[in-house]
N, C-alpha and C. Protein backbone atom coordinates (compact mmCIF):
# COMPACT_ATOMS: atom_id res chain seq x y z
N MET A 1 16.95 -39.82 -8.58
CA MET A 1 16.43 -39.17 -7.39
C MET A 1 15.41 -40.08 -6.69
N THR A 2 15.28 -39.95 -5.40
CA THR A 2 14.36 -40.75 -4.62
C THR A 2 13.20 -39.90 -4.15
N ASN A 3 11.98 -40.31 -4.49
CA ASN A 3 10.81 -39.57 -4.05
C ASN A 3 10.53 -39.87 -2.59
N VAL A 4 10.17 -38.84 -1.85
CA VAL A 4 9.84 -39.01 -0.44
C VAL A 4 8.53 -38.29 -0.17
N LEU A 5 7.57 -38.98 0.41
CA LEU A 5 6.29 -38.36 0.73
C LEU A 5 6.26 -38.06 2.21
N SER A 6 6.11 -36.78 2.56
CA SER A 6 6.15 -36.39 3.96
C SER A 6 4.80 -36.62 4.62
N SER A 7 4.78 -36.45 5.93
CA SER A 7 3.55 -36.63 6.70
C SER A 7 2.51 -35.58 6.36
N SER A 8 2.93 -34.46 5.78
CA SER A 8 2.00 -33.39 5.44
C SER A 8 1.50 -33.52 4.00
N ALA A 9 1.69 -34.68 3.39
CA ALA A 9 1.22 -34.97 2.02
C ALA A 9 1.91 -34.10 0.98
N ILE A 10 3.11 -33.67 1.25
CA ILE A 10 3.91 -32.92 0.28
C ILE A 10 4.98 -33.84 -0.26
N GLN A 11 5.06 -33.94 -1.56
CA GLN A 11 6.03 -34.83 -2.18
C GLN A 11 7.33 -34.08 -2.47
N LEU A 12 8.40 -34.50 -1.85
CA LEU A 12 9.71 -33.93 -2.10
C LEU A 12 10.57 -34.98 -2.78
N GLU A 13 11.55 -34.53 -3.50
CA GLU A 13 12.51 -35.43 -4.11
C GLU A 13 13.89 -35.13 -3.55
N GLN A 14 14.76 -36.14 -3.62
CA GLN A 14 16.09 -35.99 -3.05
C GLN A 14 17.13 -36.08 -4.15
N SER A 15 18.01 -35.09 -4.22
CA SER A 15 19.05 -35.10 -5.24
C SER A 15 20.11 -36.14 -4.91
N GLU A 16 21.07 -36.30 -5.84
CA GLU A 16 22.12 -37.31 -5.64
C GLU A 16 22.92 -37.08 -4.36
N ASN A 17 23.10 -35.83 -3.97
CA ASN A 17 23.86 -35.53 -2.75
C ASN A 17 22.96 -35.21 -1.57
N GLY A 18 21.70 -35.66 -1.62
CA GLY A 18 20.83 -35.61 -0.46
C GLY A 18 20.05 -34.32 -0.24
N ILE A 19 20.09 -33.37 -1.19
CA ILE A 19 19.37 -32.10 -1.01
C ILE A 19 17.89 -32.30 -1.34
N PRO A 20 16.97 -31.96 -0.43
CA PRO A 20 15.54 -32.07 -0.72
C PRO A 20 15.11 -31.02 -1.76
N LEU A 21 14.35 -31.45 -2.76
CA LEU A 21 13.87 -30.56 -3.82
C LEU A 21 12.37 -30.73 -3.98
N VAL A 22 11.71 -29.66 -4.43
CA VAL A 22 10.27 -29.71 -4.66
C VAL A 22 9.97 -29.14 -6.04
N SER A 23 8.95 -29.69 -6.69
CA SER A 23 8.59 -29.26 -8.03
C SER A 23 7.86 -27.92 -8.01
N THR A 24 8.19 -27.07 -9.00
CA THR A 24 7.48 -25.80 -9.13
C THR A 24 6.01 -26.03 -9.46
N LEU A 25 5.71 -27.15 -10.12
CA LEU A 25 4.31 -27.47 -10.44
C LEU A 25 3.52 -27.70 -9.16
N GLN A 26 4.12 -28.46 -8.23
CA GLN A 26 3.45 -28.73 -6.96
C GLN A 26 3.25 -27.44 -6.16
N ILE A 27 4.24 -26.57 -6.21
CA ILE A 27 4.13 -25.29 -5.51
C ILE A 27 2.96 -24.49 -6.07
N SER A 28 2.87 -24.43 -7.39
CA SER A 28 1.79 -23.66 -8.02
C SER A 28 0.42 -24.22 -7.65
N GLN A 29 0.31 -25.55 -7.58
CA GLN A 29 -0.97 -26.18 -7.25
C GLN A 29 -1.37 -25.91 -5.80
N HIS A 30 -0.43 -26.06 -4.88
CA HIS A 30 -0.74 -25.89 -3.46
C HIS A 30 -1.06 -24.44 -3.11
N PHE A 31 -0.37 -23.49 -3.76
CA PHE A 31 -0.57 -22.08 -3.42
C PHE A 31 -1.56 -21.38 -4.35
N GLY A 32 -2.19 -22.17 -5.21
CA GLY A 32 -3.22 -21.59 -6.08
C GLY A 32 -2.68 -20.59 -7.08
N LYS A 33 -1.50 -20.85 -7.63
CA LYS A 33 -0.90 -19.96 -8.61
C LYS A 33 -0.80 -20.67 -9.96
N LYS A 34 -0.82 -19.90 -11.04
CA LYS A 34 -0.59 -20.48 -12.34
C LYS A 34 0.88 -20.88 -12.45
N HIS A 35 1.13 -22.07 -12.99
CA HIS A 35 2.51 -22.54 -13.08
C HIS A 35 3.36 -21.59 -13.92
N LYS A 36 2.76 -21.00 -14.95
CA LYS A 36 3.50 -20.06 -15.78
C LYS A 36 4.02 -18.88 -14.96
N HIS A 37 3.21 -18.42 -14.02
CA HIS A 37 3.63 -17.29 -13.19
C HIS A 37 4.78 -17.68 -12.25
N VAL A 38 4.74 -18.91 -11.75
CA VAL A 38 5.84 -19.39 -10.90
C VAL A 38 7.13 -19.47 -11.71
N LEU A 39 7.03 -19.96 -12.94
CA LEU A 39 8.22 -20.04 -13.81
C LEU A 39 8.73 -18.64 -14.14
N ASP A 40 7.80 -17.70 -14.36
CA ASP A 40 8.21 -16.31 -14.62
C ASP A 40 8.99 -15.73 -13.44
N THR A 41 8.53 -16.05 -12.21
CA THR A 41 9.22 -15.57 -11.02
C THR A 41 10.61 -16.19 -10.92
N ILE A 42 10.71 -17.47 -11.26
CA ILE A 42 12.02 -18.14 -11.27
C ILE A 42 12.97 -17.41 -12.23
N ASN A 43 12.48 -17.07 -13.40
CA ASN A 43 13.32 -16.38 -14.39
C ASN A 43 13.76 -15.01 -13.90
N VAL A 44 12.87 -14.29 -13.22
CA VAL A 44 13.23 -12.99 -12.65
C VAL A 44 14.32 -13.16 -11.59
N LEU A 45 14.16 -14.17 -10.73
CA LEU A 45 15.15 -14.43 -9.68
C LEU A 45 16.50 -14.82 -10.28
N ARG A 46 16.48 -15.56 -11.36
CA ARG A 46 17.73 -15.99 -11.99
C ARG A 46 18.50 -14.80 -12.54
N LYS A 47 17.79 -13.80 -12.98
CA LYS A 47 18.45 -12.60 -13.51
C LYS A 47 18.98 -11.71 -12.39
N SER A 48 18.23 -11.63 -11.29
CA SER A 48 18.64 -10.74 -10.20
C SER A 48 19.61 -11.40 -9.23
N ALA A 49 19.55 -12.73 -9.12
CA ALA A 49 20.46 -13.44 -8.20
C ALA A 49 20.96 -14.72 -8.86
N PRO A 50 21.77 -14.58 -9.92
CA PRO A 50 22.22 -15.77 -10.68
C PRO A 50 23.04 -16.76 -9.85
N ASP A 51 23.80 -16.26 -8.87
CA ASP A 51 24.60 -17.16 -8.05
C ASP A 51 23.73 -18.04 -7.15
N LEU A 52 22.61 -17.50 -6.68
CA LEU A 52 21.72 -18.24 -5.80
C LEU A 52 20.84 -19.21 -6.57
N ILE A 53 20.34 -18.77 -7.73
CA ILE A 53 19.43 -19.60 -8.51
C ILE A 53 20.24 -20.39 -9.53
N SER A 54 21.06 -21.30 -9.05
CA SER A 54 21.91 -22.09 -9.94
C SER A 54 22.42 -23.32 -9.21
N GLY A 55 23.15 -24.15 -9.93
CA GLY A 55 23.79 -25.32 -9.34
C GLY A 55 22.80 -26.34 -8.79
N PRO A 56 23.17 -26.99 -7.70
CA PRO A 56 22.30 -28.04 -7.14
C PRO A 56 21.01 -27.52 -6.53
N LYS A 57 20.87 -26.20 -6.41
CA LYS A 57 19.66 -25.63 -5.81
C LYS A 57 18.46 -25.69 -6.74
N ILE A 58 18.71 -25.83 -8.03
CA ILE A 58 17.61 -25.85 -9.00
C ILE A 58 17.96 -26.81 -10.13
N ARG A 59 16.98 -27.63 -10.51
CA ARG A 59 17.19 -28.61 -11.57
C ARG A 59 16.04 -28.54 -12.57
N PRO A 60 16.32 -28.51 -13.88
CA PRO A 60 15.24 -28.57 -14.87
C PRO A 60 14.58 -29.95 -14.85
N ALA A 61 13.29 -30.00 -15.05
CA ALA A 61 12.56 -31.26 -15.05
C ALA A 61 11.36 -31.13 -15.99
N GLU A 62 10.57 -32.19 -16.06
CA GLU A 62 9.39 -32.20 -16.91
C GLU A 62 8.23 -32.87 -16.18
N TYR A 63 7.02 -32.54 -16.63
CA TYR A 63 5.82 -33.23 -16.15
C TYR A 63 4.89 -33.38 -17.34
N LEU A 64 3.90 -34.25 -17.26
CA LEU A 64 2.94 -34.46 -18.33
C LEU A 64 1.67 -33.68 -18.03
N ASP A 65 1.21 -32.92 -19.01
CA ASP A 65 -0.02 -32.15 -18.81
C ASP A 65 -1.25 -33.04 -19.01
N GLY A 66 -2.43 -32.44 -19.03
CA GLY A 66 -3.66 -33.21 -19.14
C GLY A 66 -3.78 -33.99 -20.43
N GLN A 67 -3.04 -33.57 -21.45
CA GLN A 67 -3.06 -34.26 -22.73
C GLN A 67 -1.90 -35.24 -22.89
N GLY A 68 -1.15 -35.41 -21.80
CA GLY A 68 -0.03 -36.34 -21.85
C GLY A 68 1.20 -35.79 -22.53
N LYS A 69 1.26 -34.48 -22.72
CA LYS A 69 2.41 -33.85 -23.36
C LYS A 69 3.41 -33.39 -22.30
N PRO A 70 4.69 -33.56 -22.54
CA PRO A 70 5.70 -33.11 -21.57
C PRO A 70 5.79 -31.59 -21.51
N ARG A 71 5.83 -31.07 -20.30
CA ARG A 71 5.94 -29.63 -20.08
C ARG A 71 7.11 -29.36 -19.13
N PRO A 72 7.78 -28.22 -19.28
CA PRO A 72 8.93 -27.91 -18.41
C PRO A 72 8.51 -27.46 -17.02
N CYS A 73 9.34 -27.81 -16.07
CA CYS A 73 9.19 -27.31 -14.69
C CYS A 73 10.57 -27.32 -14.06
N PHE A 74 10.65 -26.96 -12.80
CA PHE A 74 11.92 -26.98 -12.09
C PHE A 74 11.76 -27.72 -10.76
N LEU A 75 12.84 -28.32 -10.31
CA LEU A 75 12.93 -28.84 -8.95
C LEU A 75 13.82 -27.86 -8.18
N VAL A 76 13.31 -27.31 -7.07
CA VAL A 76 14.05 -26.28 -6.35
C VAL A 76 14.24 -26.69 -4.89
N ASP A 77 15.28 -26.13 -4.27
CA ASP A 77 15.57 -26.47 -2.88
C ASP A 77 14.83 -25.52 -1.93
N ARG A 78 15.12 -25.68 -0.64
CA ARG A 78 14.44 -24.89 0.39
C ARG A 78 14.65 -23.38 0.19
N ASP A 79 15.86 -22.96 -0.16
CA ASP A 79 16.15 -21.53 -0.30
C ASP A 79 15.30 -20.89 -1.40
N ILE A 80 15.26 -21.57 -2.55
CA ILE A 80 14.48 -21.00 -3.67
C ILE A 80 12.99 -21.07 -3.37
N PHE A 81 12.56 -22.15 -2.73
CA PHE A 81 11.15 -22.22 -2.32
C PHE A 81 10.80 -21.04 -1.41
N SER A 82 11.70 -20.73 -0.48
CA SER A 82 11.45 -19.62 0.45
C SER A 82 11.32 -18.29 -0.28
N LEU A 83 12.17 -18.09 -1.30
CA LEU A 83 12.08 -16.86 -2.08
C LEU A 83 10.75 -16.78 -2.83
N LEU A 84 10.32 -17.92 -3.38
CA LEU A 84 9.04 -17.94 -4.09
C LEU A 84 7.87 -17.69 -3.14
N ALA A 85 7.93 -18.35 -1.95
CA ALA A 85 6.82 -18.30 -1.01
C ALA A 85 6.68 -16.94 -0.32
N MET A 86 7.72 -16.11 -0.41
CA MET A 86 7.63 -14.78 0.21
C MET A 86 6.44 -13.98 -0.33
N GLY A 87 6.16 -14.17 -1.60
CA GLY A 87 5.09 -13.39 -2.20
C GLY A 87 3.71 -14.01 -2.05
N PHE A 88 3.63 -15.18 -1.40
CA PHE A 88 2.34 -15.83 -1.23
C PHE A 88 1.75 -15.42 0.12
N THR A 89 0.57 -14.83 0.10
CA THR A 89 -0.04 -14.34 1.34
C THR A 89 -1.40 -14.98 1.57
N GLY A 90 -1.92 -14.79 2.78
CA GLY A 90 -3.22 -15.34 3.11
C GLY A 90 -3.10 -16.50 4.09
N LYS A 91 -4.21 -16.86 4.73
CA LYS A 91 -4.21 -17.92 5.73
C LYS A 91 -3.82 -19.27 5.14
N ALA A 92 -4.40 -19.60 3.97
CA ALA A 92 -4.09 -20.89 3.33
C ALA A 92 -2.62 -20.95 2.95
N ALA A 93 -2.09 -19.84 2.43
CA ALA A 93 -0.67 -19.81 2.05
C ALA A 93 0.22 -20.03 3.26
N LEU A 94 -0.13 -19.43 4.39
CA LEU A 94 0.66 -19.60 5.61
C LEU A 94 0.67 -21.06 6.05
N GLU A 95 -0.49 -21.71 5.97
CA GLU A 95 -0.58 -23.12 6.35
C GLU A 95 0.31 -23.99 5.45
N TRP A 96 0.31 -23.69 4.15
CA TRP A 96 1.15 -24.46 3.25
C TRP A 96 2.63 -24.20 3.49
N LYS A 97 2.97 -22.96 3.82
CA LYS A 97 4.37 -22.65 4.13
C LYS A 97 4.85 -23.50 5.31
N ILE A 98 4.00 -23.58 6.35
CA ILE A 98 4.36 -24.36 7.54
C ILE A 98 4.52 -25.83 7.17
N ARG A 99 3.62 -26.35 6.34
CA ARG A 99 3.71 -27.75 5.93
C ARG A 99 5.00 -28.01 5.14
N TYR A 100 5.34 -27.09 4.27
CA TYR A 100 6.57 -27.27 3.48
C TYR A 100 7.81 -27.22 4.37
N ILE A 101 7.82 -26.31 5.33
CA ILE A 101 8.96 -26.23 6.26
C ILE A 101 9.12 -27.54 7.01
N GLU A 102 8.00 -28.09 7.48
CA GLU A 102 8.03 -29.37 8.20
C GLU A 102 8.55 -30.48 7.29
N ALA A 103 8.08 -30.51 6.03
CA ALA A 103 8.51 -31.55 5.09
C ALA A 103 10.01 -31.46 4.80
N PHE A 104 10.50 -30.24 4.59
CA PHE A 104 11.94 -30.05 4.36
C PHE A 104 12.74 -30.50 5.58
N ASN A 105 12.26 -30.15 6.78
CA ASN A 105 12.97 -30.53 8.00
C ASN A 105 13.07 -32.04 8.13
N VAL A 106 11.97 -32.74 7.85
CA VAL A 106 11.95 -34.20 7.97
C VAL A 106 12.95 -34.84 7.02
N LEU A 107 12.93 -34.41 5.75
CA LEU A 107 13.82 -35.02 4.77
C LEU A 107 15.29 -34.65 5.01
N GLU A 108 15.55 -33.43 5.43
CA GLU A 108 16.93 -33.03 5.71
C GLU A 108 17.49 -33.79 6.91
N ALA A 109 16.66 -33.99 7.94
CA ALA A 109 17.10 -34.76 9.11
C ALA A 109 17.37 -36.20 8.72
N HIS A 110 16.52 -36.74 7.83
CA HIS A 110 16.71 -38.11 7.36
C HIS A 110 18.02 -38.24 6.59
N ALA A 111 18.31 -37.25 5.74
CA ALA A 111 19.54 -37.27 4.95
C ALA A 111 20.77 -37.21 5.85
N LEU A 112 20.71 -36.39 6.90
CA LEU A 112 21.84 -36.29 7.83
C LEU A 112 22.06 -37.60 8.57
N GLU A 113 20.97 -38.27 8.94
CA GLU A 113 21.10 -39.53 9.65
C GLU A 113 21.69 -40.60 8.74
N LEU A 114 21.26 -40.62 7.47
CA LEU A 114 21.82 -41.57 6.52
C LEU A 114 23.31 -41.31 6.32
N ALA A 115 23.68 -40.03 6.28
CA ALA A 115 25.09 -39.68 6.12
C ALA A 115 25.90 -40.14 7.32
N ARG A 116 25.34 -39.96 8.53
CA ARG A 116 26.04 -40.39 9.73
C ARG A 116 26.23 -41.90 9.73
N GLU A 117 25.18 -42.63 9.34
CA GLU A 117 25.26 -44.09 9.30
C GLU A 117 26.26 -44.56 8.26
N ALA A 118 26.27 -43.89 7.10
CA ALA A 118 27.22 -44.25 6.05
C ALA A 118 28.65 -44.00 6.52
N GLY A 119 28.86 -42.87 7.19
CA GLY A 119 30.19 -42.58 7.72
C GLY A 119 30.60 -43.59 8.77
N TYR A 120 29.64 -44.01 9.60
CA TYR A 120 29.94 -44.98 10.65
C TYR A 120 30.39 -46.30 10.03
N ARG A 121 29.63 -46.77 9.01
CA ARG A 121 29.97 -48.05 8.39
C ARG A 121 31.33 -47.97 7.70
N GLN A 122 31.59 -46.87 7.00
CA GLN A 122 32.86 -46.76 6.30
C GLN A 122 34.00 -46.48 7.27
N GLY A 123 33.68 -45.85 8.40
CA GLY A 123 34.70 -45.64 9.41
C GLY A 123 35.18 -46.94 10.01
N LEU A 124 34.28 -47.93 10.09
CA LEU A 124 34.67 -49.24 10.59
C LEU A 124 35.72 -49.87 9.68
N GLU A 125 35.56 -49.63 8.38
CA GLU A 125 36.49 -50.21 7.42
C GLU A 125 37.78 -49.41 7.35
N SER A 126 37.70 -48.09 7.61
CA SER A 126 38.84 -47.17 7.61
C SER A 126 39.46 -47.03 6.22
N GLY A 127 40.22 -45.96 6.10
CA GLY A 127 40.97 -45.74 4.87
C GLY A 127 40.15 -45.24 3.71
N VAL A 128 38.90 -44.85 3.90
CA VAL A 128 38.09 -44.36 2.80
C VAL A 128 38.04 -42.84 2.83
N THR A 129 37.68 -42.24 1.70
CA THR A 129 37.62 -40.79 1.58
C THR A 129 36.18 -40.33 1.68
N PRO A 130 35.85 -39.31 2.49
CA PRO A 130 34.47 -38.82 2.59
C PRO A 130 33.90 -38.45 1.24
N LEU A 131 32.61 -38.68 1.07
CA LEU A 131 31.91 -38.35 -0.17
C LEU A 131 31.77 -36.83 -0.30
N ALA A 132 31.49 -36.38 -1.52
CA ALA A 132 31.28 -34.94 -1.77
C ALA A 132 29.87 -34.57 -1.31
N LEU A 133 29.77 -34.13 -0.08
CA LEU A 133 28.46 -33.83 0.51
C LEU A 133 28.35 -32.35 0.84
N GLU A 134 27.13 -31.91 1.05
CA GLU A 134 26.92 -30.54 1.52
C GLU A 134 27.54 -30.41 2.91
N ALA A 135 27.81 -29.18 3.34
CA ALA A 135 28.56 -28.93 4.58
C ALA A 135 27.95 -29.65 5.78
N ALA A 136 26.63 -29.47 6.01
CA ALA A 136 26.00 -30.08 7.18
C ALA A 136 26.01 -31.59 7.07
N GLU A 137 25.75 -32.10 5.86
CA GLU A 137 25.72 -33.56 5.68
C GLU A 137 27.12 -34.15 5.81
N LYS A 138 28.12 -33.42 5.29
CA LYS A 138 29.50 -33.89 5.40
C LYS A 138 29.91 -33.95 6.87
N GLN A 139 29.47 -32.96 7.64
CA GLN A 139 29.79 -32.92 9.07
C GLN A 139 29.19 -34.14 9.77
N SER A 140 27.96 -34.47 9.39
CA SER A 140 27.30 -35.63 9.98
C SER A 140 28.00 -36.91 9.55
N TRP A 141 28.41 -36.98 8.27
CA TRP A 141 29.12 -38.15 7.77
C TRP A 141 30.42 -38.34 8.55
N LEU A 142 31.16 -37.24 8.73
CA LEU A 142 32.44 -37.33 9.43
C LEU A 142 32.26 -37.77 10.88
N LYS A 143 31.17 -37.32 11.51
CA LYS A 143 30.90 -37.73 12.88
C LYS A 143 30.72 -39.25 12.96
N GLY A 144 29.90 -39.77 12.04
CA GLY A 144 29.69 -41.21 12.01
C GLY A 144 30.96 -41.95 11.65
N PHE A 145 31.73 -41.38 10.70
CA PHE A 145 32.98 -42.01 10.28
C PHE A 145 33.94 -42.17 11.46
N LYS A 146 34.07 -41.09 12.24
CA LYS A 146 34.99 -41.13 13.38
C LYS A 146 34.53 -42.14 14.43
N GLU A 147 33.20 -42.19 14.66
CA GLU A 147 32.68 -43.17 15.62
C GLU A 147 33.00 -44.58 15.17
N GLY A 148 32.74 -44.86 13.89
CA GLY A 148 33.01 -46.19 13.36
C GLY A 148 34.48 -46.53 13.35
N GLU A 149 35.31 -45.52 13.00
CA GLU A 149 36.75 -45.75 12.96
C GLU A 149 37.29 -46.08 14.34
N ARG A 150 36.81 -45.35 15.36
CA ARG A 150 37.26 -45.63 16.73
C ARG A 150 36.87 -47.04 17.15
N LYS A 151 35.63 -47.42 16.83
CA LYS A 151 35.18 -48.76 17.20
C LYS A 151 35.98 -49.81 16.45
N GLY A 152 36.24 -49.54 15.16
CA GLY A 152 37.02 -50.48 14.36
C GLY A 152 38.42 -50.66 14.91
N ARG A 153 39.04 -49.56 15.35
CA ARG A 153 40.39 -49.66 15.92
C ARG A 153 40.38 -50.42 17.23
N ARG A 154 39.35 -50.16 18.05
CA ARG A 154 39.27 -50.90 19.32
C ARG A 154 39.10 -52.39 19.08
N GLU A 155 38.27 -52.72 18.09
CA GLU A 155 38.05 -54.13 17.78
C GLU A 155 39.33 -54.77 17.26
N MET A 156 40.08 -54.02 16.45
CA MET A 156 41.33 -54.55 15.91
C MET A 156 42.35 -54.77 17.03
N ARG A 157 42.43 -53.80 17.95
CA ARG A 157 43.36 -53.95 19.08
C ARG A 157 42.98 -55.14 19.95
N ARG A 158 41.67 -55.33 20.14
CA ARG A 158 41.21 -56.44 20.96
C ARG A 158 41.60 -57.77 20.33
N LYS A 159 41.38 -57.88 19.00
CA LYS A 159 41.75 -59.13 18.32
C LYS A 159 43.25 -59.36 18.35
N ASP A 160 44.02 -58.29 18.14
CA ASP A 160 45.48 -58.41 18.19
C ASP A 160 45.93 -58.83 19.58
N GLY A 161 45.29 -58.25 20.60
CA GLY A 161 45.67 -58.59 21.97
C GLY A 161 45.37 -60.03 22.31
N LEU A 162 44.22 -60.53 21.87
CA LEU A 162 43.87 -61.93 22.13
C LEU A 162 44.83 -62.87 21.41
N SER A 163 45.17 -62.53 20.17
CA SER A 163 46.10 -63.36 19.41
C SER A 163 47.48 -63.38 20.09
N ARG A 164 47.90 -62.21 20.55
CA ARG A 164 49.19 -62.10 21.23
C ARG A 164 49.19 -62.92 22.52
N LEU A 165 48.08 -62.86 23.25
CA LEU A 165 47.99 -63.59 24.51
C LEU A 165 47.95 -65.09 24.28
N GLU A 166 47.29 -65.52 23.22
CA GLU A 166 47.24 -66.96 22.90
C GLU A 166 48.63 -67.51 22.63
N ARG A 167 49.48 -66.72 21.97
CA ARG A 167 50.84 -67.17 21.68
C ARG A 167 51.72 -67.16 22.92
N ALA A 168 51.43 -66.22 23.84
CA ALA A 168 52.27 -66.11 25.04
C ALA A 168 51.83 -67.06 26.15
N LEU A 169 50.56 -67.46 26.13
CA LEU A 169 50.00 -68.25 27.24
C LEU A 169 50.78 -69.53 27.53
N PRO A 170 51.17 -70.33 26.52
CA PRO A 170 51.92 -71.56 26.84
C PRO A 170 53.20 -71.29 27.62
N TYR A 171 53.87 -70.18 27.28
CA TYR A 171 55.11 -69.84 27.99
C TYR A 171 54.82 -69.37 29.41
N LEU A 172 53.74 -68.60 29.58
CA LEU A 172 53.38 -68.12 30.91
C LEU A 172 52.97 -69.28 31.81
N GLN A 173 52.29 -70.25 31.22
CA GLN A 173 51.86 -71.42 32.01
C GLN A 173 53.04 -72.28 32.45
N LYS A 174 54.14 -72.18 31.74
CA LYS A 174 55.35 -72.92 32.12
C LYS A 174 56.17 -72.18 33.18
N GLY A 175 55.70 -70.99 33.57
CA GLY A 175 56.38 -70.26 34.63
C GLY A 175 57.29 -69.16 34.16
N LEU A 176 57.34 -68.88 32.84
CA LEU A 176 58.18 -67.81 32.34
C LEU A 176 57.56 -66.46 32.73
N THR A 177 58.40 -65.47 32.83
CA THR A 177 57.91 -64.12 33.14
C THR A 177 57.29 -63.49 31.90
N LEU A 178 56.59 -62.38 32.11
CA LEU A 178 56.01 -61.66 30.99
C LEU A 178 57.10 -61.19 30.02
N THR A 179 58.20 -60.72 30.56
CA THR A 179 59.29 -60.24 29.73
C THR A 179 59.86 -61.36 28.88
N GLU A 180 60.05 -62.52 29.49
CA GLU A 180 60.59 -63.67 28.75
C GLU A 180 59.62 -64.15 27.67
N ALA A 181 58.35 -64.23 28.04
CA ALA A 181 57.34 -64.67 27.07
C ALA A 181 57.23 -63.68 25.92
N ALA A 182 57.31 -62.39 26.23
CA ALA A 182 57.21 -61.37 25.20
C ALA A 182 58.35 -61.49 24.19
N ARG A 183 59.56 -61.77 24.69
CA ARG A 183 60.69 -61.92 23.79
C ARG A 183 60.53 -63.13 22.87
N LEU A 184 59.97 -64.19 23.40
CA LEU A 184 59.79 -65.41 22.61
C LEU A 184 58.74 -65.25 21.51
N ILE A 185 57.76 -64.37 21.71
CA ILE A 185 56.74 -64.15 20.66
C ILE A 185 57.02 -62.87 19.88
N ASP A 186 58.23 -62.33 20.06
CA ASP A 186 58.67 -61.13 19.34
C ASP A 186 57.70 -59.97 19.55
N CYS A 187 57.48 -59.65 20.83
CA CYS A 187 56.55 -58.59 21.21
C CYS A 187 57.19 -57.74 22.31
N PRO A 188 57.03 -56.44 22.28
CA PRO A 188 57.57 -55.61 23.37
C PRO A 188 56.95 -56.03 24.71
N PRO A 189 57.73 -56.18 25.74
CA PRO A 189 57.19 -56.58 27.05
C PRO A 189 56.07 -55.66 27.54
N SER A 190 56.21 -54.35 27.31
CA SER A 190 55.18 -53.42 27.77
C SER A 190 53.85 -53.67 27.06
N THR A 191 53.89 -54.05 25.79
CA THR A 191 52.67 -54.33 25.04
C THR A 191 51.95 -55.54 25.60
N LEU A 192 52.70 -56.60 25.85
CA LEU A 192 52.10 -57.81 26.41
C LEU A 192 51.57 -57.54 27.82
N ARG A 193 52.30 -56.73 28.58
CA ARG A 193 51.87 -56.41 29.94
C ARG A 193 50.54 -55.64 29.90
N ASN A 194 50.42 -54.69 28.99
CA ASN A 194 49.17 -53.94 28.86
C ASN A 194 48.02 -54.82 28.41
N THR A 195 48.31 -55.79 27.55
CA THR A 195 47.27 -56.72 27.10
C THR A 195 46.73 -57.53 28.27
N VAL A 196 47.62 -58.01 29.12
CA VAL A 196 47.21 -58.79 30.29
C VAL A 196 46.39 -57.93 31.25
N ARG A 197 46.80 -56.68 31.42
CA ARG A 197 46.07 -55.79 32.32
C ARG A 197 44.66 -55.51 31.80
N ARG A 198 44.55 -55.29 30.48
CA ARG A 198 43.21 -55.06 29.90
C ARG A 198 42.33 -56.30 30.08
N LEU A 199 42.93 -57.46 29.93
CA LEU A 199 42.16 -58.70 30.08
C LEU A 199 41.64 -58.85 31.50
N ARG A 200 42.45 -58.47 32.47
CA ARG A 200 42.04 -58.59 33.87
C ARG A 200 40.90 -57.64 34.22
N ARG A 201 40.74 -56.57 33.40
CA ARG A 201 39.66 -55.62 33.68
C ARG A 201 38.33 -56.04 33.06
N LEU A 202 38.33 -57.09 32.25
CA LEU A 202 37.10 -57.55 31.62
C LEU A 202 36.15 -58.10 32.68
N PRO A 203 34.80 -58.00 32.43
CA PRO A 203 33.82 -58.51 33.41
C PRO A 203 34.02 -59.98 33.74
N VAL A 204 34.35 -60.80 32.71
CA VAL A 204 34.59 -62.22 32.94
C VAL A 204 36.09 -62.44 33.02
N GLN A 205 36.57 -62.81 34.16
CA GLN A 205 37.99 -62.95 34.36
C GLN A 205 38.49 -64.29 33.86
N THR A 206 39.69 -64.29 33.26
CA THR A 206 40.32 -65.52 32.79
C THR A 206 41.58 -65.75 33.61
N ALA A 207 41.74 -66.96 34.07
CA ALA A 207 42.91 -67.27 34.89
C ALA A 207 44.14 -67.30 33.99
N THR A 208 45.00 -66.31 34.11
CA THR A 208 46.20 -66.23 33.29
C THR A 208 47.40 -66.13 34.20
N PRO A 209 48.16 -67.23 34.33
CA PRO A 209 49.32 -67.20 35.21
C PRO A 209 50.38 -66.25 34.66
N THR A 210 50.79 -65.28 35.46
CA THR A 210 51.80 -64.34 34.99
C THR A 210 52.80 -64.06 36.10
N ARG A 211 54.01 -63.85 35.68
CA ARG A 211 55.05 -63.37 36.57
C ARG A 211 55.67 -62.16 35.91
N GLU A 212 55.71 -61.07 36.64
CA GLU A 212 56.23 -59.84 36.05
C GLU A 212 57.69 -59.99 35.62
N GLU A 213 58.49 -60.64 36.40
CA GLU A 213 59.91 -60.82 36.08
C GLU A 213 60.34 -62.25 36.35
């Protein structure tokens, strides 16, 4: 997991699939609660809502106490934090709730951006399978993947077109028609014709002698 320190001085951790998690120990310290009571609340929630308090939303962890002994704690996601924070009242508690919401927002936005960038890079290469991501992150990954794939295809078509034109150019310079040149380089005449038209639309024009027939 990667530790991330937010602007509000709240330390969140990121799971393997990008879900922001926070330690129950940190929650107890910020909200002025005994850690044992926070763990007791977690156990109550697990019994009443086992489907929600499970899987990637909660992870067992450890911390060292004042004597350097390992003690149990949990890393929980935004949903479980929200359930815990419902019972915390008072002005200070409200301020901490706002800080935690901001910290979760920052890390989740960062995870989505990383997913989009990863999808973009892999889209350029094409032929890869999307990673097992959460719904929102997967959506962001796919968006980047499609952007990269489109750019990769355009770049491939551009290179193919230039290569095709390089092979046809000697024949065109000798006065052959596009159709004749296309046959000599084993290319459909319409494909070569479209390549020449795209080239003529470029900002820097290249003198390419062509005869349609």
